[in-house]
């Protein structure tokens, strides 16, 4: 069994995309940033489960997020990670009647993912 990928690689790519957002790419950069951030969060979750509860990574994501408070010492961080995953998932899917997430919203979600990944890494 190989080690889960580092969540910091897609997180760094998401930050670069957020920092270099190009108005000519319209809704492409927010969606791509959200996708990379969600991948980073999922990589951090995979690392957490590999360390603390092997096998949990095989259940649906909603179940993994529901289990999270039992495996983290910080219930607020568990809630923040779950919120970030849902918000990023929503941002990834295009809905013609909704606006793309703003740069500030994405920056806030990236901070949440970074905080969660750092807690798992510690």
PDB file of N, CA and C in Angstrom:
ATOM      1  N   UNK A   1       0.848  -1.173   0.000  1.00  0.00           N
ATOM      2  CA  UNK A   1       0.000   0.000   0.000  1.00  0.00           C
ATOM      3  C   UNK A   1       0.895   1.238   0.000  1.00  0.00           C
ATOM      4  N   UNK A   2       0.667   2.133  -0.932  1.00  0.00           N
ATOM      5  CA  UNK A   2       1.489   3.343  -1.012  1.00  0.00           C
ATOM      6  C   UNK A   2       0.908   4.438  -0.129  1.00  0.00           C
ATOM      7  N   UNK A   3       1.776   5.363   0.226  1.00  0.00           N
ATOM      8  CA  UNK A   3       1.348   6.482   1.069  1.00  0.00           C
ATOM      9  C   UNK A   3       0.454   7.414   0.265  1.00  0.00           C
ATOM     10  N   UNK A   4      -0.514   8.034   0.923  1.00  0.00           N
ATOM     11  CA  UNK A   4      -1.376   8.992   0.216  1.00  0.00           C
ATOM     12  C   UNK A   4      -0.549  10.172  -0.290  1.00  0.00           C
ATOM     13  N   UNK A   5      -0.963  10.780  -1.407  1.00  0.00           N
ATOM     14  CA  UNK A   5      -0.224  11.937  -1.919  1.00  0.00           C
ATOM     15  C   UNK A   5      -0.287  13.112  -0.947  1.00  0.00           C
ATOM     16  N   UNK A   6       0.703  13.973  -1.039  1.00  0.00           N
ATOM     17  CA  UNK A   6       0.735  15.144  -0.165  1.00  0.00           C
ATOM     18  C   UNK A   6      -0.361  16.126  -0.555  1.00  0.00           C
ATOM     19  N   UNK A   7      -1.130  16.604   0.412  1.00  0.00           N
ATOM     20  CA  UNK A   7      -2.166  17.594   0.091  1.00  0.00           C
ATOM     21  C   UNK A   7      -1.592  18.964  -0.237  1.00  0.00           C
ATOM     22  N   UNK A   8      -0.325  19.170   0.065  1.00  0.00           N
ATOM     23  CA  UNK A   8       0.258  20.498  -0.124  1.00  0.00           C
ATOM     24  C   UNK A   8       0.577  20.806  -1.592  1.00  0.00           C
ATOM     25  N   UNK A   9       0.727  19.784  -2.430  1.00  0.00           N
ATOM     26  CA  UNK A   9       0.996  20.028  -3.853  1.00  0.00           C
ATOM     27  C   UNK A   9      -0.222  20.633  -4.560  1.00  0.00           C
ATOM     28  N   UNK A  10      -1.401  19.986  -4.503  1.00  0.00           N
ATOM     29  CA  UNK A  10      -2.554  20.626  -5.149  1.00  0.00           C
ATOM     30  C   UNK A  10      -2.957  21.933  -4.464  1.00  0.00           C
ATOM     31  N   UNK A  11      -2.685  22.043  -3.181  1.00  0.00           N
ATOM     32  CA  UNK A  11      -3.000  23.280  -2.462  1.00  0.00           C
ATOM     33  C   UNK A  11      -2.130  24.433  -2.974  1.00  0.00           C
ATOM     34  N   UNK A  12      -0.862  24.165  -3.205  1.00  0.00           N
ATOM     35  CA  UNK A  12       0.037  25.188  -3.755  1.00  0.00           C
ATOM     36  C   UNK A  12      -0.402  25.578  -5.170  1.00  0.00           C
ATOM     37  N   UNK A  13      -0.815  24.593  -5.964  1.00  0.00           N
ATOM     38  CA  UNK A  13      -1.286  24.888  -7.319  1.00  0.00           C
ATOM     39  C   UNK A  13      -2.558  25.732  -7.275  1.00  0.00           C
ATOM     40  N   UNK A  14      -3.445  25.430  -6.338  1.00  0.00           N
ATOM     41  CA  UNK A  14      -4.678  26.216  -6.189  1.00  0.00           C
ATOM     42  C   UNK A  14      -4.355  27.653  -5.796  1.00  0.00           C
ATOM     43  N   UNK A  15      -3.387  27.817  -4.898  1.00  0.00           N
ATOM     44  CA  UNK A  15      -3.004  29.165  -4.472  1.00  0.00           C
ATOM     45  C   UNK A  15      -2.407  29.951  -5.633  1.00  0.00           C
ATOM     46  N   UNK A  16      -1.565  29.293  -6.439  1.00  0.00           N
ATOM     47  CA  UNK A  16      -0.989  29.966  -7.605  1.00  0.00           C
ATOM     48  C   UNK A  16      -2.079  30.390  -8.584  1.00  0.00           C
ATOM     49  N   UNK A  17      -3.056  29.515  -8.785  1.00  0.00           N
ATOM     50  CA  UNK A  17      -4.146  29.834  -9.702  1.00  0.00           C
ATOM     51  C   UNK A  17      -4.970  31.001  -9.161  1.00  0.00           C
ATOM     52  N   UNK A  18      -5.193  31.023  -7.873  1.00  0.00           N
ATOM     53  CA  UNK A  18      -5.946  32.109  -7.254  1.00  0.00           C
ATOM     54  C   UNK A  18      -5.178  33.425  -7.356  1.00  0.00           C
ATOM     55  N   UNK A  19      -3.875  33.369  -7.139  1.00  0.00           N
ATOM     56  CA  UNK A  19      -3.048  34.571  -7.191  1.00  0.00           C
ATOM     57  C   UNK A  19      -2.907  35.131  -8.602  1.00  0.00           C
ATOM     58  N   UNK A  20      -2.973  34.261  -9.600  1.00  0.00           N
ATOM     59  CA  UNK A  20      -2.759  34.687 -10.984  1.00  0.00           C
ATOM     60  C   UNK A  20      -4.049  34.611 -11.798  1.00  0.00           C
ATOM     61  N   UNK A  21      -5.176  34.812 -11.157  1.00  0.00           N
ATOM     62  CA  UNK A  21      -6.464  34.734 -11.848  1.00  0.00           C
ATOM     63  C   UNK A  21      -6.484  35.692 -13.032  1.00  0.00           C
ATOM     64  N   UNK A  22      -6.949  35.188 -14.144  1.00  0.00           N
ATOM     65  CA  UNK A  22      -6.973  35.965 -15.374  1.00  0.00           C
ATOM     66  C   UNK A  22      -8.425  36.232 -15.763  1.00  0.00           C
ATOM     67  N   UNK A  23      -8.792  37.496 -15.924  1.00  0.00           N
ATOM     68  CA  UNK A  23     -10.186  37.804 -16.280  1.00  0.00           C
ATOM     69  C   UNK A  23     -10.624  37.180 -17.610  1.00  0.00           C
ATOM     70  N   UNK A  24      -9.670  36.862 -18.478  1.00  0.00           N
ATOM     71  CA  UNK A  24     -10.049  36.271 -19.763  1.00  0.00           C
ATOM     72  C   UNK A  24     -10.474  34.817 -19.628  1.00  0.00           C
ATOM     73  N   UNK A  25     -10.156  34.210 -18.499  1.00  0.00           N
ATOM     74  CA  UNK A  25     -10.576  32.821 -18.299  1.00  0.00           C
ATOM     75  C   UNK A  25     -11.922  32.731 -17.589  1.00  0.00           C
ATOM     76  N   UNK A  26     -12.528  33.871 -17.344  1.00  0.00           N
ATOM     77  CA  UNK A  26     -13.883  33.974 -16.767  1.00  0.00           C
ATOM     78  C   UNK A  26     -14.101  32.989 -15.635  1.00  0.00           C
ATOM     79  N   UNK A  27     -14.982  32.025 -15.827  1.00  0.00           N
ATOM     80  CA  UNK A  27     -15.312  31.121 -14.718  1.00  0.00           C
ATOM     81  C   UNK A  27     -14.387  29.915 -14.655  1.00  0.00           C
ATOM     82  N   UNK A  28     -13.400  29.841 -15.513  1.00  0.00           N
ATOM     83  CA  UNK A  28     -12.490  28.693 -15.490  1.00  0.00           C
ATOM     84  C   UNK A  28     -11.602  28.656 -14.267  1.00  0.00           C
ATOM     85  N   UNK A  29     -11.005  29.803 -13.914  1.00  0.00           N
ATOM     86  CA  UNK A  29     -10.055  29.785 -12.796  1.00  0.00           C
ATOM     87  C   UNK A  29     -10.722  29.533 -11.451  1.00  0.00           C
ATOM     88  N   UNK A  30     -11.931  30.060 -11.168  1.00  0.00           N
ATOM     89  CA  UNK A  30     -12.513  29.734  -9.858  1.00  0.00           C
ATOM     90  C   UNK A  30     -12.836  28.247  -9.721  1.00  0.00           C
ATOM     91  N   UNK A  31     -13.327  27.664 -10.790  1.00  0.00           N
ATOM     92  CA  UNK A  31     -13.686  26.248 -10.739  1.00  0.00           C
ATOM     93  C   UNK A  31     -12.432  25.383 -10.609  1.00  0.00           C
ATOM     94  N   UNK A  32     -11.381  25.735 -11.358  1.00  0.00           N
ATOM     95  CA  UNK A  32     -10.133  24.978 -11.276  1.00  0.00           C
ATOM     96  C   UNK A  32      -9.491  25.117  -9.892  1.00  0.00           C
ATOM     97  N   UNK A  33      -9.544  26.317  -9.340  1.00  0.00           N
ATOM     98  CA  UNK A  33      -9.012  26.540  -7.990  1.00  0.00           C
ATOM     99  C   UNK A  33      -9.772  25.692  -6.975  1.00  0.00           C
ATOM    100  N   UNK A  34     -11.090  25.666  -7.087  1.00  0.00           N
ATOM    101  CA  UNK A  34     -11.915  24.873  -6.173  1.00  0.00           C
ATOM    102  C   UNK A  34     -11.617  23.385  -6.317  1.00  0.00           C
ATOM    103  N   UNK A  35     -11.426  22.934  -7.539  1.00  0.00           N
ATOM    104  CA  UNK A  35     -11.133  21.516  -7.772  1.00  0.00           C
ATOM    105  C   UNK A  35      -9.802  21.122  -7.134  1.00  0.00           C
ATOM    106  N   UNK A  36      -8.786  21.945  -7.321  1.00  0.00           N
ATOM    107  CA  UNK A  36      -7.483  21.657  -6.710  1.00  0.00           C
ATOM    108  C   UNK A  36      -7.558  21.693  -5.184  1.00  0.00           C
ATOM    109  N   UNK A  37      -8.298  22.645  -4.641  1.00  0.00           N
ATOM    110  CA  UNK A  37      -8.438  22.740  -3.189  1.00  0.00           C
ATOM    111  C   UNK A  37      -9.177  21.524  -2.630  1.00  0.00           C
ATOM    112  N   UNK A  38     -10.226  21.091  -3.332  1.00  0.00           N
ATOM    113  CA  UNK A  38     -10.948  19.907  -2.855  1.00  0.00           C
ATOM    114  C   UNK A  38     -10.065  18.674  -2.930  1.00  0.00           C
ATOM    115  N   UNK A  39      -9.240  18.573  -3.979  1.00  0.00           N
ATOM    116  CA  UNK A  39      -8.316  17.445  -4.084  1.00  0.00           C
ATOM    117  C   UNK A  39      -7.332  17.453  -2.918  1.00  0.00           C
ATOM    118  N   UNK A  40      -6.854  18.630  -2.550  1.00  0.00           N
ATOM    119  CA  UNK A  40      -5.943  18.741  -1.406  1.00  0.00           C
ATOM    120  C   UNK A  40      -6.621  18.280  -0.121  1.00  0.00           C
ATOM    121  N   UNK A  41      -7.867  18.679   0.068  1.00  0.00           N
ATOM    122  CA  UNK A  41      -8.615  18.275   1.256  1.00  0.00           C
ATOM    123  C   UNK A  41      -8.820  16.758   1.274  1.00  0.00           C
ATOM    124  N   UNK A  42      -9.158  16.192   0.130  1.00  0.00           N
ATOM    125  CA  UNK A  42      -9.351  14.742   0.059  1.00  0.00           C
ATOM    126  C   UNK A  42      -8.037  13.996   0.286  1.00  0.00           C
ATOM    127  N   UNK A  43      -6.914  14.557  -0.192  1.00  0.00           N
ATOM    128  CA  UNK A  43      -5.609  13.941   0.075  1.00  0.00           C
ATOM    129  C   UNK A  43      -5.279  13.987   1.568  1.00  0.00           C
ATOM    130  N   UNK A  44      -5.614  15.097   2.220  1.00  0.00           N
ATOM    131  CA  UNK A  44      -5.379  15.201   3.666  1.00  0.00           C
ATOM    132  C   UNK A  44      -6.248  14.198   4.420  1.00  0.00           C
ATOM    133  N   UNK A  45      -7.489  14.046   3.987  1.00  0.00           N
ATOM    134  CA  UNK A  45      -8.366  13.051   4.620  1.00  0.00           C
ATOM    135  C   UNK A  45      -7.809  11.647   4.437  1.00  0.00           C
ATOM    136  N   UNK A  46      -7.323  11.336   3.235  1.00  0.00           N
ATOM    137  CA  UNK A  46      -6.747  10.009   2.981  1.00  0.00           C
ATOM    138  C   UNK A  46      -5.560   9.755   3.906  1.00  0.00           C
ATOM    139  N   UNK A  47      -4.756  10.792   4.111  1.00  0.00           N
ATOM    140  CA  UNK A  47      -3.605  10.656   5.011  1.00  0.00           C
ATOM    141  C   UNK A  47      -4.072  10.430   6.452  1.00  0.00           C
ATOM    142  N   UNK A  48      -5.097  11.169   6.867  1.00  0.00           N
ATOM    143  CA  UNK A  48      -5.638  10.997   8.219  1.00  0.00           C
ATOM    144  C   UNK A  48      -6.142   9.573   8.425  1.00  0.00           C
ATOM    145  N   UNK A  49      -6.918   9.079   7.456  1.00  0.00           N
ATOM    146  CA  UNK A  49      -7.476   7.727   7.603  1.00  0.00           C
ATOM    147  C   UNK A  49      -6.375   6.676   7.569  1.00  0.00           C
ATOM    148  N   UNK A  50      -5.356   6.875   6.757  1.00  0.00           N
ATOM    149  CA  UNK A  50      -4.250   5.914   6.712  1.00  0.00           C
ATOM    150  C   UNK A  50      -3.542   5.841   8.061  1.00  0.00           C
ATOM    151  N   UNK A  51      -3.461   6.980   8.743  1.00  0.00           N
ATOM    152  CA  UNK A  51      -2.781   7.035  10.039  1.00  0.00           C
ATOM    153  C   UNK A  51      -3.652   6.514  11.179  1.00  0.00           C
ATOM    154  N   UNK A  52      -4.927   6.878  11.180  1.00  0.00           N
ATOM    155  CA  UNK A  52      -5.754   6.653  12.369  1.00  0.00           C
ATOM    156  C   UNK A  52      -6.856   5.623  12.226  1.00  0.00           C
ATOM    157  N   UNK A  53      -7.366   5.419  11.017  1.00  0.00           N
ATOM    158  CA  UNK A  53      -8.491   4.495  10.852  1.00  0.00           C
ATOM    159  C   UNK A  53      -8.494   3.906   9.445  1.00  0.00           C
ATOM    160  N   UNK A  54      -7.526   3.043   9.154  1.00  0.00           N
ATOM    161  CA  UNK A  54      -7.490   2.455   7.814  1.00  0.00           C
ATOM    162  C   UNK A  54      -8.823   1.795   7.463  1.00  0.00           C
ATOM    163  N   UNK A  55      -9.244   2.028   6.245  1.00  0.00           N
ATOM    164  CA  UNK A  55     -10.508   1.482   5.767  1.00  0.00           C
ATOM    165  C   UNK A  55     -11.602   2.520   5.655  1.00  0.00           C
ATOM    166  N   UNK A  56     -11.510   3.579   6.455  1.00  0.00           N
ATOM    167  CA  UNK A  56     -12.549   4.618   6.425  1.00  0.00           C
ATOM    168  C   UNK A  56     -12.543   5.332   5.073  1.00  0.00           C
ATOM    169  N   UNK A  57     -11.366   5.360   4.419  1.00  0.00           N
ATOM    170  CA  UNK A  57     -11.295   6.043   3.123  1.00  0.00           C
ATOM    171  C   UNK A  57     -12.151   5.369   2.049  1.00  0.00           C
ATOM    172  N   UNK A  58     -12.630   4.167   2.328  1.00  0.00           N
ATOM    173  CA  UNK A  58     -13.445   3.435   1.350  1.00  0.00           C
ATOM    174  C   UNK A  58     -14.931   3.773   1.443  1.00  0.00           C
ATOM    175  N   UNK A  59     -15.339   4.448   2.495  1.00  0.00           N
ATOM    176  CA  UNK A  59     -16.757   4.812   2.634  1.00  0.00           C
ATOM    177  C   UNK A  59     -17.006   6.127   1.903  1.00  0.00           C
ATOM    178  N   UNK A  60     -18.260   6.446   1.588  1.00  0.00           N
ATOM    179  CA  UNK A  60     -18.546   7.704   0.894  1.00  0.00           C
ATOM    180  C   UNK A  60     -18.034   8.921   1.679  1.00  0.00           C
ATOM    181  N   UNK A  61     -17.756   9.980   0.951  1.00  0.00           N
ATOM    182  CA  UNK A  61     -17.169  11.180   1.556  1.00  0.00           C
ATOM    183  C   UNK A  61     -18.044  11.755   2.665  1.00  0.00           C
ATOM    184  N   UNK A  62     -19.337  11.753   2.480  1.00  0.00           N
ATOM    185  CA  UNK A  62     -20.215  12.286   3.537  1.00  0.00           C
ATOM    186  C   UNK A  62     -20.040  11.510   4.840  1.00  0.00           C
ATOM    187  N   UNK A  63     -19.870  10.209   4.736  1.00  0.00           N
ATOM    188  CA  UNK A  63     -19.645   9.393   5.931  1.00  0.00           C
ATOM    189  C   UNK A  63     -18.277   9.696   6.542  1.00  0.00           C
ATOM    190  N   UNK A  64     -17.271   9.886   5.699  1.00  0.00           N
ATOM    191  CA  UNK A  64     -15.942  10.244   6.208  1.00  0.00           C
ATOM    192  C   UNK A  64     -15.998  11.557   6.980  1.00  0.00           C
ATOM    193  N   UNK A  65     -16.703  12.519   6.418  1.00  0.00           N
ATOM    194  CA  UNK A  65     -16.814  13.824   7.079  1.00  0.00           C
ATOM    195  C   UNK A  65     -17.604  13.724   8.373  1.00  0.00           C
ATOM    196  N   UNK A  66     -18.587  12.842   8.407  1.00  0.00           N
ATOM    197  CA  UNK A  66     -19.366  12.641   9.640  1.00  0.00           C
ATOM    198  C   UNK A  66     -18.507  11.997  10.727  1.00  0.00           C
ATOM    199  N   UNK A  67     -17.547  11.163  10.342  1.00  0.00           N
ATOM    200  CA  UNK A  67     -16.650  10.502  11.305  1.00  0.00           C
ATOM    201  C   UNK A  67     -15.547  11.429  11.813  1.00  0.00           C
ATOM    202  N   UNK A  68     -15.268  12.468  11.076  1.00  0.00           N
ATOM    203  CA  UNK A  68     -14.118  13.329  11.345  1.00  0.00           C
ATOM    204  C   UNK A  68     -14.026  13.844  12.785  1.00  0.00           C
ATOM    205  N   UNK A  69     -15.110  14.329  13.408  1.00  0.00           N
ATOM    206  CA  UNK A  69     -14.976  14.838  14.785  1.00  0.00           C
ATOM    207  C   UNK A  69     -14.476  13.794  15.786  1.00  0.00           C
ATOM    208  N   UNK A  70     -14.738  12.526  15.518  1.00  0.00           N
ATOM    209  CA  UNK A  70     -14.287  11.477  16.425  1.00  0.00           C
ATOM    210  C   UNK A  70     -12.778  11.235  16.329  1.00  0.00           C
ATOM    211  N   UNK A  71     -12.162  11.672  15.238  1.00  0.00           N
ATOM    212  CA  UNK A  71     -10.741  11.409  15.031  1.00  0.00           C
ATOM    213  C   UNK A  71      -9.864  12.643  15.120  1.00  0.00           C
ATOM    214  N   UNK A  72     -10.480  13.801  15.259  1.00  0.00           N
ATOM    215  CA  UNK A  72      -9.714  15.040  15.427  1.00  0.00           C
ATOM    216  C   UNK A  72      -9.923  15.563  16.835  1.00  0.00           C
ATOM    217  N   UNK A  73      -8.889  16.133  17.412  1.00  0.00           N
ATOM    218  CA  UNK A  73      -9.028  16.693  18.760  1.00  0.00           C
ATOM    219  C   UNK A  73      -9.723  18.050  18.734  1.00  0.00           C
ATOM    220  N   UNK A  74      -9.880  18.615  17.533  1.00  0.00           N
ATOM    221  CA  UNK A  74     -10.486  19.933  17.373  1.00  0.00           C
ATOM    222  C   UNK A  74     -11.802  19.812  16.598  1.00  0.00           C
ATOM    223  N   UNK A  75     -12.943  19.769  17.299  1.00  0.00           N
ATOM    224  CA  UNK A  75     -14.229  19.607  16.600  1.00  0.00           C
ATOM    225  C   UNK A  75     -14.548  20.775  15.663  1.00  0.00           C
ATOM    226  N   UNK A  76     -14.054  21.966  16.005  1.00  0.00           N
ATOM    227  CA  UNK A  76     -14.277  23.119  15.127  1.00  0.00           C
ATOM    228  C   UNK A  76     -13.554  22.932  13.795  1.00  0.00           C
ATOM    229  N   UNK A  77     -12.353  22.387  13.851  1.00  0.00           N
ATOM    230  CA  UNK A  77     -11.598  22.120  12.629  1.00  0.00           C
ATOM    231  C   UNK A  77     -12.292  21.048  11.793  1.00  0.00           C
ATOM    232  N   UNK A  78     -12.857  20.049  12.429  1.00  0.00           N
ATOM    233  CA  UNK A  78     -13.601  19.005  11.709  1.00  0.00           C
ATOM    234  C   UNK A  78     -14.795  19.612  10.990  1.00  0.00           C
ATOM    235  N   UNK A  79     -15.504  20.489  11.667  1.00  0.00           N
ATOM    236  CA  UNK A  79     -16.657  21.163  11.067  1.00  0.00           C
ATOM    237  C   UNK A  79     -16.221  22.065   9.914  1.00  0.00           C
ATOM    238  N   UNK A  80     -15.122  22.764  10.103  1.00  0.00           N
ATOM    239  CA  UNK A  80     -14.594  23.659   9.072  1.00  0.00           C
ATOM    240  C   UNK A  80     -14.181  22.864   7.825  1.00  0.00           C
ATOM    241  N   UNK A  81     -13.565  21.707   8.029  1.00  0.00           N
ATOM    242  CA  UNK A  81     -13.152  20.869   6.904  1.00  0.00           C
ATOM    243  C   UNK A  81     -14.367  20.341   6.146  1.00  0.00           C
ATOM    244  N   UNK A  82     -15.389  19.926   6.877  1.00  0.00           N
ATOM    245  CA  UNK A  82     -16.609  19.435   6.236  1.00  0.00           C
ATOM    246  C   UNK A  82     -17.283  20.551   5.437  1.00  0.00           C
ATOM    247  N   UNK A  83     -17.353  21.733   6.025  1.00  0.00           N
ATOM    248  CA  UNK A  83     -17.943  22.863   5.314  1.00  0.00           C
ATOM    249  C   UNK A  83     -17.149  23.170   4.049  1.00  0.00           C
ATOM    250  N   UNK A  84     -15.814  23.173   4.169  1.00  0.00           N
ATOM    251  CA  UNK A  84     -14.969  23.477   3.014  1.00  0.00           C
ATOM    252  C   UNK A  84     -15.198  22.456   1.906  1.00  0.00           C
ATOM    253  N   UNK A  85     -15.282  21.178   2.246  1.00  0.00           N
ATOM    254  CA  UNK A  85     -15.497  20.162   1.218  1.00  0.00           C
ATOM    255  C   UNK A  85     -16.823  20.392   0.492  1.00  0.00           C
ATOM    256  N   UNK A  86     -17.870  20.659   1.246  1.00  0.00           N
ATOM    257  CA  UNK A  86     -19.183  20.889   0.615  1.00  0.00           C
ATOM    258  C   UNK A  86     -19.175  22.160  -0.232  1.00  0.00           C
ATOM    259  N   UNK A  87     -18.579  23.226   0.270  1.00  0.00           N
ATOM    260  CA  UNK A  87     -18.525  24.491  -0.480  1.00  0.00           C
ATOM    261  C   UNK A  87     -17.690  24.334  -1.747  1.00  0.00           C
ATOM    262  N   UNK A  88     -16.569  23.626  -1.655  1.00  0.00           N
ATOM    263  CA  UNK A  88     -15.735  23.410  -2.828  1.00  0.00           C
ATOM    264  C   UNK A  88     -16.441  22.519  -3.846  1.00  0.00           C
ATOM    265  N   UNK A  89     -17.137  21.512  -3.373  1.00  0.00           N
ATOM    266  CA  UNK A  89     -17.891  20.635  -4.281  1.00  0.00           C
ATOM    267  C   UNK A  89     -18.956  21.412  -5.024  1.00  0.00           C
ATOM    268  N   UNK A  90     -19.621  22.274  -4.321  1.00  0.00           N
ATOM    269  CA  UNK A  90     -20.650  23.102  -4.954  1.00  0.00           C
ATOM    270  C   UNK A  90     -20.033  24.049  -5.981  1.00  0.00           C
ATOM    271  N   UNK A  91     -18.858  24.597  -5.675  1.00  0.00           N
ATOM    272  CA  UNK A  91     -18.193  25.534  -6.581  1.00  0.00           C
ATOM    273  C   UNK A  91     -17.707  24.849  -7.859  1.00  0.00           C
ATOM    274  N   UNK A  92     -17.394  23.583  -7.765  1.00  0.00           N
ATOM    275  CA  UNK A  92     -16.866  22.855  -8.918  1.00  0.00           C
ATOM    276  C   UNK A  92     -17.941  22.639  -9.979  1.00  0.00           C
ATOM    277  N   UNK A  93     -19.149  22.411  -9.551  1.00  0.00           N
ATOM    278  CA  UNK A  93     -20.229  22.109 -10.492  1.00  0.00           C
ATOM    279  C   UNK A  93     -20.867  23.382 -11.015  1.00  0.00           C
ATOM    280  N   UNK A  94     -20.929  23.475 -12.310  1.00  0.00           N
ATOM    281  CA  UNK A  94     -21.472  24.673 -12.949  1.00  0.00           C
ATOM    282  C   UNK A  94     -23.000  24.681 -12.876  1.00  0.00           C
ATOM    283  N   UNK A  95     -23.530  25.776 -12.387  1.00  0.00           N
ATOM    284  CA  UNK A  95     -24.975  26.013 -12.373  1.00  0.00           C
ATOM    285  C   UNK A  95     -25.183  27.362 -13.050  1.00  0.00           C
ATOM    286  N   UNK A  96     -25.900  27.383 -14.151  1.00  0.00           N
ATOM    287  CA  UNK A  96     -26.033  28.646 -14.889  1.00  0.00           C
ATOM    288  C   UNK A  96     -26.732  29.750 -14.100  1.00  0.00           C
ATOM    289  N   UNK A  97     -27.449  29.397 -13.072  1.00  0.00           N
ATOM    290  CA  UNK A  97     -28.194  30.375 -12.286  1.00  0.00           C
ATOM    291  C   UNK A  97     -27.435  30.837 -11.050  1.00  0.00           C
ATOM    292  N   UNK A  98     -26.191  30.387 -10.866  1.00  0.00           N
ATOM    293  CA  UNK A  98     -25.400  30.785  -9.704  1.00  0.00           C
ATOM    294  C   UNK A  98     -24.116  31.460 -10.140  1.00  0.00           C
ATOM    295  N   UNK A  99     -23.644  32.380  -9.335  1.00  0.00           N
ATOM    296  CA  UNK A  99     -22.363  33.033  -9.583  1.00  0.00           C
ATOM    297  C   UNK A  99     -21.227  32.128  -9.127  1.00  0.00           C
ATOM    298  N   UNK A 100     -20.076  32.301  -9.757  1.00  0.00           N
ATOM    299  CA  UNK A 100     -18.884  31.579  -9.321  1.00  0.00           C
ATOM    300  C   UNK A 100     -18.458  32.121  -7.963  1.00  0.00           C
ATOM    301  N   UNK A 101     -17.734  31.320  -7.186  1.00  0.00           N
ATOM    302  CA  UNK A 101     -17.236  31.845  -5.905  1.00  0.00           C
ATOM    303  C   UNK A 101     -16.264  32.992  -6.158  1.00  0.00           C
ATOM    304  N   UNK A 102     -16.249  33.939  -5.261  1.00  0.00           N
ATOM    305  CA  UNK A 102     -15.348  35.076  -5.397  1.00  0.00           C
ATOM    306  C   UNK A 102     -13.936  34.675  -4.972  1.00  0.00           C
ATOM    307  N   UNK A 103     -12.997  35.530  -5.300  1.00  0.00           N
ATOM    308  CA  UNK A 103     -11.610  35.311  -4.896  1.00  0.00           C
ATOM    309  C   UNK A 103     -11.511  35.223  -3.371  1.00  0.00           C
ATOM    310  N   UNK A 104     -12.256  36.075  -2.661  1.00  0.00           N
ATOM    311  CA  UNK A 104     -12.223  36.069  -1.193  1.00  0.00           C
ATOM    312  C   UNK A 104     -12.811  34.774  -0.628  1.00  0.00           C
ATOM    313  N   UNK A 105     -13.898  34.298  -1.218  1.00  0.00           N
ATOM    314  CA  UNK A 105     -14.483  33.033  -0.757  1.00  0.00           C
ATOM    315  C   UNK A 105     -13.504  31.888  -0.960  1.00  0.00           C
ATOM    316  N   UNK A 106     -12.887  31.846  -2.129  1.00  0.00           N
ATOM    317  CA  UNK A 106     -11.916  30.789  -2.396  1.00  0.00           C
ATOM    318  C   UNK A 106     -10.702  30.903  -1.484  1.00  0.00           C
ATOM    319  N   UNK A 107     -10.240  32.113  -1.236  1.00  0.00           N
ATOM    320  CA  UNK A 107      -9.095  32.305  -0.339  1.00  0.00           C
ATOM    321  C   UNK A 107      -9.419  31.791   1.066  1.00  0.00           C
ATOM    322  N   UNK A 108     -10.632  32.046   1.518  1.00  0.00           N
ATOM    323  CA  UNK A 108     -11.053  31.564   2.835  1.00  0.00           C
ATOM    324  C   UNK A 108     -11.105  30.039   2.866  1.00  0.00           C
ATOM    325  N   UNK A 109     -11.618  29.438   1.817  1.00  0.00           N
ATOM    326  CA  UNK A 109     -11.683  27.974   1.753  1.00  0.00           C
ATOM    327  C   UNK A 109     -10.278  27.380   1.683  1.00  0.00           C
ATOM    328  N   UNK A 110      -9.385  28.024   0.958  1.00  0.00           N
ATOM    329  CA  UNK A 110      -7.997  27.549   0.894  1.00  0.00           C
ATOM    330  C   UNK A 110      -7.337  27.609   2.274  1.00  0.00           C
ATOM    331  N   UNK A 111      -7.617  28.656   3.030  1.00  0.00           N
ATOM    332  CA  UNK A 111      -7.072  28.746   4.399  1.00  0.00           C
ATOM    333  C   UNK A 111      -7.587  27.591   5.259  1.00  0.00           C
ATOM    334  N   UNK A 112      -8.858  27.269   5.111  1.00  0.00           N
ATOM    335  CA  UNK A 112      -9.428  26.153   5.872  1.00  0.00           C
ATOM    336  C   UNK A 112      -8.758  24.836   5.499  1.00  0.00           C
ATOM    337  N   UNK A 113      -8.576  24.613   4.207  1.00  0.00           N
ATOM    338  CA  UNK A 113      -7.932  23.370   3.751  1.00  0.00           C
ATOM    339  C   UNK A 113      -6.488  23.326   4.238  1.00  0.00           C
ATOM    340  N   UNK A 114      -5.787  24.442   4.147  1.00  0.00           N
ATOM    341  CA  UNK A 114      -4.395  24.506   4.602  1.00  0.00           C
ATOM    342  C   UNK A 114      -4.301  24.202   6.103  1.00  0.00           C
ATOM    343  N   UNK A 115      -5.221  24.758   6.860  1.00  0.00           N
ATOM    344  CA  UNK A 115      -5.233  24.534   8.315  1.00  0.00           C
ATOM    345  C   UNK A 115      -5.488  23.054   8.633  1.00  0.00           C
ATOM    346  N   UNK A 116      -6.439  22.462   7.911  1.00  0.00           N
ATOM    347  CA  UNK A 116      -6.753  21.050   8.121  1.00  0.00           C
ATOM    348  C   UNK A 116      -5.557  20.175   7.729  1.00  0.00           C
ATOM    349  N   UNK A 117      -4.967  20.442   6.572  1.00  0.00           N
ATOM    350  CA  UNK A 117      -3.825  19.647   6.110  1.00  0.00           C
ATOM    351  C   UNK A 117      -2.658  19.749   7.074  1.00  0.00           C
ATOM    352  N   UNK A 118      -2.439  20.938   7.615  1.00  0.00           N
ATOM    353  CA  UNK A 118      -1.345  21.119   8.584  1.00  0.00           C
ATOM    354  C   UNK A 118      -1.620  20.346   9.867  1.00  0.00           C
ATOM    355  N   UNK A 119      -2.881  20.305  10.297  1.00  0.00           N
ATOM    356  CA  UNK A 119      -3.233  19.567  11.517  1.00  0.00           C
ATOM    357  C   UNK A 119      -3.025  18.060  11.301  1.00  0.00           C
ATOM    358  N   UNK A 120      -3.374  17.579  10.129  1.00  0.00           N
ATOM    359  CA  UNK A 120      -3.194  16.154   9.836  1.00  0.00           C
ATOM    360  C   UNK A 120      -1.701  15.834   9.742  1.00  0.00           C
ATOM    361  N   UNK A 121      -0.954  16.751   9.170  1.00  0.00           N
ATOM    362  CA  UNK A 121       0.493  16.544   8.988  1.00  0.00           C
ATOM    363  C   UNK A 121       1.246  16.567  10.311  1.00  0.00           C
ATOM    364  N   UNK A 122       0.699  17.267  11.311  1.00  0.00           N
ATOM    365  CA  UNK A 122       1.395  17.422  12.600  1.00  0.00           C
ATOM    366  C   UNK A 122       1.368  16.138  13.423  1.00  0.00           C
TER     367      UNK A 122
END
